[in-house]
Amino acid sequence: MRSIMKSWETSDEILEIKRLAANYLWKTMNVKTKDIIQSYLDDVKADDISYAMHIRRGDKVTEANIIKTKTYINAMEKLIQRDTQKRSTYRIFVASDESNIINELQRLKPEWKFVKLSAKTIEMHGHEQSIFDHLPKHVQLELTYVLLSELEILSRVKHVVCTFSSNVCRLVQVLRKQDPNTVISLDEKWHPL
């Protein structure tokens, strides 16, 4: 029995179960939440974005080494080279808790257009859970809408650069239902467990 269970746990079946559960939860959002997410997607013209990065900073430094922004650029260049659909301009969605990340990316790769969602009532400089927990409830709610909108965009795009040490990136890979080769993790390898 133990060997059967171990075999099942390492197969693609567990990934499919996670995908079914995640998709069920995703589809059961209330109408107001869906409308708010759609408004964020409309703000950045999400349907025209094929590439994305998830760059986690904030309290992530307590869990893992911070990866240099240039490393994200280099990985995105690899994904763009692999892509058979060449474009004259590249719009890259950036999901990040760091408010200044767009300026940093633009300085490194000025020929690309980087887009990011922003909360309307507060500017964050890295996610710190202890600070988030003490924010007013309406601000927490707004930041949650931003996160859900980021997840939606990250799950739709064709290519993603992120770190699988991040819960967000692992969830995105479950939601995406795309070939693992369309994602570059800058730290850990993908595993569905």
C-alpha atoms as a PDB file:
ATOM      1  CA  MET A   1       0.000   0.000   0.000  1.00  0.00           C
ATOM      2  CA  ARG A   2       2.787   2.427   0.906  1.00  0.00           C
ATOM      3  CA  SER A   3       4.501   1.970  -2.504  1.00  0.00           C
ATOM      4  CA  ILE A   4       1.200   2.465  -4.323  1.00  0.00           C
ATOM      5  CA  MET A   5       0.561   5.700  -2.425  1.00  0.00           C
ATOM      6  CA  LYS A   6       4.101   6.920  -3.027  1.00  0.00           C
ATOM      7  CA  SER A   7       3.766   6.187  -6.755  1.00  0.00           C
ATOM      8  CA  TRP A   8       0.458   8.065  -6.913  1.00  0.00           C
ATOM      9  CA  GLU A   9       1.836  11.068  -5.025  1.00  0.00           C
ATOM     10  CA  THR A  10       4.684  11.570  -7.480  1.00  0.00           C
ATOM     11  CA  SER A  11       2.543  11.252 -10.592  1.00  0.00           C
ATOM     12  CA  ASP A  12       0.717  13.901 -12.574  1.00  0.00           C
ATOM     13  CA  GLU A  13      -2.532  12.826 -10.917  1.00  0.00           C
ATOM     14  CA  ILE A  14      -1.901  14.960  -7.848  1.00  0.00           C
ATOM     15  CA  LEU A  15      -1.249  17.982 -10.069  1.00  0.00           C
ATOM     16  CA  GLU A  16      -4.545  17.391 -11.847  1.00  0.00           C
ATOM     17  CA  ILE A  17      -6.375  17.150  -8.516  1.00  0.00           C
ATOM     18  CA  LYS A  18      -4.793  20.438  -7.414  1.00  0.00           C
ATOM     19  CA  ARG A  19      -5.812  22.047 -10.699  1.00  0.00           C
ATOM     20  CA  LEU A  20      -9.410  20.886 -10.333  1.00  0.00           C
ATOM     21  CA  ALA A  21      -9.594  22.235  -6.775  1.00  0.00           C
ATOM     22  CA  ALA A  22      -7.953  25.560  -7.687  1.00  0.00           C
ATOM     23  CA  ASN A  23     -10.188  26.038 -10.734  1.00  0.00           C
ATOM     24  CA  TYR A  24     -13.295  25.234  -8.705  1.00  0.00           C
ATOM     25  CA  LEU A  25     -12.370  27.816  -6.068  1.00  0.00           C
ATOM     26  CA  TRP A  26     -11.429  30.351  -8.746  1.00  0.00           C
ATOM     27  CA  LYS A  27     -14.754  29.957 -10.555  1.00  0.00           C
ATOM     28  CA  THR A  28     -16.842  30.330  -7.388  1.00  0.00           C
ATOM     29  CA  MET A  29     -15.836  33.960  -6.784  1.00  0.00           C
ATOM     30  CA  ASN A  30     -18.734  36.336  -6.330  1.00  0.00           C
ATOM     31  CA  VAL A  31     -19.770  38.709  -9.114  1.00  0.00           C
ATOM     32  CA  LYS A  32     -18.377  41.809  -7.382  1.00  0.00           C
ATOM     33  CA  THR A  33     -14.923  40.226  -7.070  1.00  0.00           C
ATOM     34  CA  LYS A  34     -14.987  39.054 -10.698  1.00  0.00           C
ATOM     35  CA  ASP A  35     -15.971  42.563 -11.847  1.00  0.00           C
ATOM     36  CA  ILE A  36     -13.189  44.201  -9.826  1.00  0.00           C
ATOM     37  CA  ILE A  37     -10.619  41.743 -11.209  1.00  0.00           C
ATOM     38  CA  GLN A  38     -11.872  42.399 -14.734  1.00  0.00           C
ATOM     39  CA  SER A  39     -11.500  46.159 -14.223  1.00  0.00           C
ATOM     40  CA  TYR A  40      -7.859  45.682 -13.195  1.00  0.00           C
ATOM     41  CA  LEU A  41      -7.290  43.462 -16.245  1.00  0.00           C
ATOM     42  CA  ASP A  42      -8.888  46.071 -18.495  1.00  0.00           C
ATOM     43  CA  ASP A  43      -6.644  48.782 -17.000  1.00  0.00           C
ATOM     44  CA  VAL A  44      -3.517  47.020 -18.313  1.00  0.00           C
ATOM     45  CA  LYS A  45      -5.109  45.536 -21.452  1.00  0.00           C
ATOM     46  CA  ALA A  46      -4.294  42.056 -20.150  1.00  0.00           C
ATOM     47  CA  ASP A  47      -5.452  40.286 -23.323  1.00  0.00           C
ATOM     48  CA  ASP A  48      -2.488  41.848 -25.180  1.00  0.00           C
ATOM     49  CA  ILE A  49       0.145  40.495 -22.777  1.00  0.00           C
ATOM     50  CA  SER A  50       2.026  37.254 -23.498  1.00  0.00           C
ATOM     51  CA  TYR A  51       4.881  37.517 -20.997  1.00  0.00           C
ATOM     52  CA  ALA A  52       4.994  38.023 -17.253  1.00  0.00           C
ATOM     53  CA  MET A  53       7.319  38.081 -14.274  1.00  0.00           C
ATOM     54  CA  HIS A  54       6.546  37.545 -10.615  1.00  0.00           C
ATOM     55  CA  ILE A  55       9.200  39.333  -8.549  1.00  0.00           C
ATOM     56  CA  ARG A  56       8.833  38.838  -4.807  1.00  0.00           C
ATOM     57  CA  ARG A  57      10.669  41.125  -2.415  1.00  0.00           C
ATOM     58  CA  GLY A  58       9.438  42.399   0.963  1.00  0.00           C
ATOM     59  CA  ASP A  59       9.693  39.871   3.772  1.00  0.00           C
ATOM     60  CA  LYS A  60      10.834  37.209   1.270  1.00  0.00           C
ATOM     61  CA  VAL A  61      14.407  38.096   2.349  1.00  0.00           C
ATOM     62  CA  THR A  62      13.750  36.168   5.563  1.00  0.00           C
ATOM     63  CA  GLU A  63      13.040  32.985   3.555  1.00  0.00           C
ATOM     64  CA  ALA A  64      15.303  33.107   0.504  1.00  0.00           C
ATOM     65  CA  ASN A  65      18.012  35.087  -1.235  1.00  0.00           C
ATOM     66  CA  ILE A  66      16.771  38.015  -3.277  1.00  0.00           C
ATOM     67  CA  ILE A  67      17.322  37.409  -6.976  1.00  0.00           C
ATOM     68  CA  LYS A  68      18.724  40.323  -8.952  1.00  0.00           C
ATOM     69  CA  THR A  69      16.415  42.057 -11.370  1.00  0.00           C
ATOM     70  CA  LYS A  70      18.904  41.495 -14.205  1.00  0.00           C
ATOM     71  CA  THR A  71      18.497  37.742 -13.681  1.00  0.00           C
ATOM     72  CA  TYR A  72      14.753  38.104 -14.400  1.00  0.00           C
ATOM     73  CA  ILE A  73      15.553  40.050 -17.579  1.00  0.00           C
ATOM     74  CA  ASN A  74      18.008  37.368 -18.742  1.00  0.00           C
ATOM     75  CA  ALA A  75      15.465  34.602 -18.149  1.00  0.00           C
ATOM     76  CA  MET A  76      12.748  36.532 -20.004  1.00  0.00           C
ATOM     77  CA  GLU A  77      15.115  36.966 -22.944  1.00  0.00           C
ATOM     78  CA  LYS A  78      15.463  33.162 -23.079  1.00  0.00           C
ATOM     79  CA  LEU A  79      11.691  32.707 -23.137  1.00  0.00           C
ATOM     80  CA  ILE A  80      11.311  35.321 -25.871  1.00  0.00           C
ATOM     81  CA  GLN A  81      13.989  33.579 -27.960  1.00  0.00           C
ATOM     82  CA  ARG A  82      12.099  30.258 -27.600  1.00  0.00           C
ATOM     83  CA  ASP A  83       8.801  31.822 -28.628  1.00  0.00           C
ATOM     84  CA  THR A  84       7.884  31.194 -32.253  1.00  0.00           C
ATOM     85  CA  GLN A  85       5.696  34.324 -32.392  1.00  0.00           C
ATOM     86  CA  LYS A  86       8.082  37.251 -32.720  1.00  0.00           C
ATOM     87  CA  ARG A  87       6.787  40.728 -31.923  1.00  0.00           C
ATOM     88  CA  SER A  88       7.975  44.207 -32.742  1.00  0.00           C
ATOM     89  CA  THR A  89       7.413  45.305 -29.140  1.00  0.00           C
ATOM     90  CA  TYR A  90       7.201  43.328 -25.938  1.00  0.00           C
ATOM     91  CA  ARG A  91       4.707  44.143 -23.193  1.00  0.00           C
ATOM     92  CA  ILE A  92       5.659  42.335 -20.029  1.00  0.00           C
ATOM     93  CA  PHE A  93       3.383  42.151 -17.044  1.00  0.00           C
ATOM     94  CA  VAL A  94       5.143  42.431 -13.697  1.00  0.00           C
ATOM     95  CA  ALA A  95       3.494  41.095 -10.559  1.00  0.00           C
ATOM     96  CA  SER A  96       5.486  42.419  -7.646  1.00  0.00           C
ATOM     97  CA  ASP A  97       5.105  43.749  -4.159  1.00  0.00           C
ATOM     98  CA  GLU A  98       7.894  46.257  -4.850  1.00  0.00           C
ATOM     99  CA  SER A  99       6.518  49.587  -6.084  1.00  0.00           C
ATOM    100  CA  ASN A 100       9.773  50.729  -7.728  1.00  0.00           C
ATOM    101  CA  ILE A 101      10.382  47.542  -9.738  1.00  0.00           C
ATOM    102  CA  ILE A 102       9.082  48.973 -13.029  1.00  0.00           C
ATOM    103  CA  ASN A 103      11.672  51.775 -12.964  1.00  0.00           C
ATOM    104  CA  GLU A 104      14.420  49.258 -12.272  1.00  0.00           C
ATOM    105  CA  LEU A 105      13.300  46.964 -15.112  1.00  0.00           C
ATOM    106  CA  GLN A 106      12.853  49.865 -17.548  1.00  0.00           C
ATOM    107  CA  ARG A 107      16.372  51.074 -16.812  1.00  0.00           C
ATOM    108  CA  LEU A 108      17.746  47.597 -17.601  1.00  0.00           C
ATOM    109  CA  LYS A 109      15.601  46.960 -20.711  1.00  0.00           C
ATOM    110  CA  PRO A 110      14.242  50.266 -22.073  1.00  0.00           C
ATOM    111  CA  GLU A 111      12.993  48.719 -25.339  1.00  0.00           C
ATOM    112  CA  TRP A 112      10.419  46.605 -23.483  1.00  0.00           C
ATOM    113  CA  LYS A 113       7.154  47.955 -22.095  1.00  0.00           C
ATOM    114  CA  PHE A 114       6.602  46.832 -18.496  1.00  0.00           C
ATOM    115  CA  VAL A 115       3.131  47.048 -16.959  1.00  0.00           C
ATOM    116  CA  LYS A 116       2.072  46.521 -13.362  1.00  0.00           C
ATOM    117  CA  LEU A 117      -1.102  46.718 -11.341  1.00  0.00           C
ATOM    118  CA  SER A 118      -1.162  49.129  -8.452  1.00  0.00           C
ATOM    119  CA  ALA A 119      -3.421  49.520  -5.485  1.00  0.00           C
ATOM    120  CA  LYS A 120      -5.315  52.787  -5.681  1.00  0.00           C
ATOM    121  CA  THR A 121      -5.253  53.743  -2.009  1.00  0.00           C
ATOM    122  CA  ILE A 122      -1.795  52.693  -0.808  1.00  0.00           C
ATOM    123  CA  GLU A 123       1.698  52.331  -2.215  1.00  0.00           C
ATOM    124  CA  MET A 124       3.507  49.242  -0.990  1.00  0.00           C
ATOM    125  CA  HIS A 125       7.258  48.878  -0.733  1.00  0.00           C
ATOM    126  CA  GLY A 126       7.520  45.120  -0.430  1.00  0.00           C
ATOM    127  CA  HIS A 127       5.004  42.844   1.246  1.00  0.00           C
ATOM    128  CA  GLU A 128       5.504  42.577   4.982  1.00  0.00           C
ATOM    129  CA  GLN A 129       2.875  40.280   6.466  1.00  0.00           C
ATOM    130  CA  SER A 130       3.146  41.865   9.912  1.00  0.00           C
ATOM    131  CA  ILE A 131       2.360  45.297   8.399  1.00  0.00           C
ATOM    132  CA  PHE A 132      -0.396  43.920   6.146  1.00  0.00           C
ATOM    133  CA  ASP A 133      -2.120  42.359   9.172  1.00  0.00           C
ATOM    134  CA  HIS A 134      -2.495  45.812  10.768  1.00  0.00           C
ATOM    135  CA  LEU A 135      -3.741  47.714   7.720  1.00  0.00           C
ATOM    136  CA  PRO A 136      -7.369  48.858   7.661  1.00  0.00           C
ATOM    137  CA  LYS A 137      -9.685  46.140   6.329  1.00  0.00           C
ATOM    138  CA  HIS A 138     -10.614  48.110   3.193  1.00  0.00           C
ATOM    139  CA  VAL A 139      -6.906  48.404   2.279  1.00  0.00           C
ATOM    140  CA  GLN A 140      -6.345  44.694   2.920  1.00  0.00           C
ATOM    141  CA  LEU A 141      -9.305  43.976   0.659  1.00  0.00           C
ATOM    142  CA  GLU A 142      -7.960  46.210  -2.113  1.00  0.00           C
ATOM    143  CA  LEU A 143      -4.523  44.566  -1.948  1.00  0.00           C
ATOM    144  CA  THR A 144      -6.226  41.175  -2.111  1.00  0.00           C
ATOM    145  CA  TYR A 145      -8.081  42.255  -5.274  1.00  0.00           C
ATOM    146  CA  VAL A 146      -4.741  43.303  -6.777  1.00  0.00           C
ATOM    147  CA  LEU A 147      -3.225  39.922  -5.900  1.00  0.00           C
ATOM    148  CA  LEU A 148      -6.181  38.038  -7.398  1.00  0.00           C
ATOM    149  CA  SER A 149      -5.920  40.143 -10.551  1.00  0.00           C
ATOM    150  CA  GLU A 150      -2.182  39.442 -10.767  1.00  0.00           C
ATOM    151  CA  LEU A 151      -2.874  35.715 -10.414  1.00  0.00           C
ATOM    152  CA  GLU A 152      -5.412  35.908 -13.223  1.00  0.00           C
ATOM    153  CA  ILE A 153      -2.954  37.616 -15.573  1.00  0.00           C
ATOM    154  CA  LEU A 154      -0.079  35.304 -14.622  1.00  0.00           C
ATOM    155  CA  SER A 155      -2.277  32.276 -15.273  1.00  0.00           C
ATOM    156  CA  ARG A 156      -3.316  33.538 -18.741  1.00  0.00           C
ATOM    157  CA  VAL A 157       0.006  34.600 -20.267  1.00  0.00           C
ATOM    158  CA  LYS A 158       2.072  32.388 -22.520  1.00  0.00           C
ATOM    159  CA  HIS A 159       5.399  32.700 -20.639  1.00  0.00           C
ATOM    160  CA  VAL A 160       6.329  33.393 -16.999  1.00  0.00           C
ATOM    161  CA  VAL A 161       9.558  34.037 -15.092  1.00  0.00           C
ATOM    162  CA  CYS A 162       9.288  33.560 -11.339  1.00  0.00           C
ATOM    163  CA  THR A 163      10.620  31.569  -8.391  1.00  0.00           C
ATOM    164  CA  PHE A 164       9.018  28.287  -7.377  1.00  0.00           C
ATOM    165  CA  SER A 165      10.066  28.960  -3.787  1.00  0.00           C
ATOM    166  CA  SER A 166       7.134  31.394  -3.913  1.00  0.00           C
ATOM    167  CA  ASN A 167       3.668  30.084  -3.073  1.00  0.00           C
ATOM    168  CA  VAL A 168       2.267  32.514  -5.639  1.00  0.00           C
ATOM    169  CA  CYS A 169       4.406  31.108  -8.440  1.00  0.00           C
ATOM    170  CA  ARG A 170       3.525  27.513  -7.564  1.00  0.00           C
ATOM    171  CA  LEU A 171      -0.179  28.401  -7.516  1.00  0.00           C
ATOM    172  CA  VAL A 172       0.179  30.134 -10.874  1.00  0.00           C
ATOM    173  CA  GLN A 173       1.733  27.002 -12.370  1.00  0.00           C
ATOM    174  CA  VAL A 174      -1.218  24.966 -11.088  1.00  0.00           C
ATOM    175  CA  LEU A 175      -3.707  27.479 -12.557  1.00  0.00           C
ATOM    176  CA  ARG A 176      -1.915  27.823 -15.913  1.00  0.00           C
ATOM    177  CA  LYS A 177      -2.398  24.307 -17.322  1.00  0.00           C
ATOM    178  CA  GLN A 178       0.475  24.969 -19.709  1.00  0.00           C
ATOM    179  CA  ASP A 179       3.683  23.195 -20.558  1.00  0.00           C
ATOM    180  CA  PRO A 180       6.265  23.531 -17.767  1.00  0.00           C
ATOM    181  CA  ASN A 181       8.743  24.769 -20.414  1.00  0.00           C
ATOM    182  CA  THR A 182       6.769  28.017 -20.638  1.00  0.00           C
ATOM    183  CA  VAL A 183       7.932  28.930 -17.132  1.00  0.00           C
ATOM    184  CA  ILE A 184      11.421  29.635 -15.904  1.00  0.00           C
ATOM    185  CA  SER A 185      11.925  29.404 -12.174  1.00  0.00           C
ATOM    186  CA  LEU A 186      15.020  31.202 -10.974  1.00  0.00           C
ATOM    187  CA  ASP A 187      15.467  29.023  -7.922  1.00  0.00           C
ATOM    188  CA  GLU A 188      13.688  25.714  -7.405  1.00  0.00           C
ATOM    189  CA  LYS A 189      12.552  23.163  -9.992  1.00  0.00           C
ATOM    190  CA  TRP A 190       8.849  22.621 -10.560  1.00  0.00           C
ATOM    191  CA  HIS A 191       7.246  19.742  -8.697  1.00  0.00           C
ATOM    192  CA  PRO A 192       3.510  19.263  -8.335  1.00  0.00           C
ATOM    193  CA  LEU A 193       3.592  18.038  -4.732  1.00  0.00           C
END
